Amino acid sequence: MRSASYAAAAARKVASATLSEGSAFEVFLDHWWTQSLADRATDADAKDLAIDFADLAIALRSMC
């Protein structure tokens, strides 16, 4: 799990993003939902599946 300082730095970066830097916001959202998914996993196997799913979802979205 990433540290609170990493999350704070990501939030500051997003807060300072302009419309031309929309990709910074997408990166923040990708980090947020994937971390949330992994954090809510009930055991190690569920966490591994959540991480695999998140990796695949991000990879497929980046191909579009």
Protein backbone atom coordinates (compact mmCIF):
# COMPACT_ATOMS: atom_id res chain seq x y z
CA MET A 1 0.00 0.00 0.00
CA ARG A 2 1.28 3.44 -0.84
CA SER A 3 2.06 5.95 1.87
CA ALA A 4 -0.10 8.89 2.86
CA SER A 5 2.57 11.27 1.58
CA TYR A 6 2.31 9.67 -1.88
CA ALA A 7 -1.46 10.17 -1.85
CA ALA A 8 -1.06 13.77 -0.70
CA ALA A 9 1.47 14.47 -3.45
CA ALA A 10 -0.85 12.92 -6.03
CA ALA A 11 -3.76 15.01 -4.76
CA ARG A 12 -1.67 18.21 -4.99
CA LYS A 13 -0.67 17.33 -8.53
CA VAL A 14 -4.29 16.78 -9.50
CA ALA A 15 -5.43 19.98 -7.81
CA SER A 16 -2.92 21.97 -9.85
CA ALA A 17 -3.81 20.28 -13.14
CA THR A 18 -5.33 22.34 -15.92
CA LEU A 19 -7.60 21.08 -18.65
CA SER A 20 -4.56 20.47 -20.83
CA GLU A 21 -3.19 18.23 -18.09
CA GLY A 22 -6.28 16.04 -17.94
CA SER A 23 -4.10 12.95 -18.03
CA ALA A 24 -2.82 13.79 -14.54
CA PHE A 25 -6.37 13.52 -13.26
CA GLU A 26 -6.84 10.19 -15.05
CA VAL A 27 -3.65 8.89 -13.44
CA PHE A 28 -4.94 9.97 -10.04
CA LEU A 29 -8.28 8.23 -10.64
CA ASP A 30 -6.53 5.08 -11.84
CA HIS A 31 -4.45 5.01 -8.69
CA TRP A 32 -7.43 5.73 -6.47
CA TRP A 33 -9.81 3.06 -7.74
CA THR A 34 -7.15 0.36 -8.09
CA GLN A 35 -5.86 1.01 -4.57
CA SER A 36 -9.41 1.04 -3.21
CA LEU A 37 -10.17 -2.26 -4.92
CA ALA A 38 -7.06 -3.89 -3.47
CA ASP A 39 -7.68 -2.44 -0.01
CA ARG A 40 -11.19 -3.90 0.14
CA ALA A 41 -10.02 -7.42 -0.69
CA THR A 42 -10.86 -9.84 2.11
CA ASP A 43 -7.84 -12.13 1.77
CA ALA A 44 -4.57 -12.57 -0.11
CA ASP A 45 -6.17 -14.41 -3.05
CA ALA A 46 -8.84 -11.75 -3.46
CA LYS A 47 -6.17 -9.04 -3.32
CA ASP A 48 -4.14 -10.79 -6.04
CA LEU A 49 -7.25 -11.05 -8.22
CA ALA A 50 -8.11 -7.40 -7.62
CA ILE A 51 -4.62 -6.32 -8.62
CA ASP A 52 -4.68 -8.50 -11.74
CA PHE A 53 -8.09 -7.09 -12.70
CA ALA A 54 -6.92 -3.52 -12.17
CA ASP A 55 -3.77 -4.08 -14.23
CA LEU A 56 -5.79 -5.53 -17.08
CA ALA A 57 -8.43 -2.77 -16.96
CA ILE A 58 -5.78 -0.02 -17.02
CA ALA A 59 -3.90 -1.72 -19.85
CA LEU A 60 -7.02 -2.15 -21.96
CA ARG A 61 -8.14 1.45 -21.39
CA SER A 62 -4.74 2.77 -22.37
CA MET A 63 -5.00 0.93 -25.70
CA CYS A 64 -8.09 2.94 -26.71
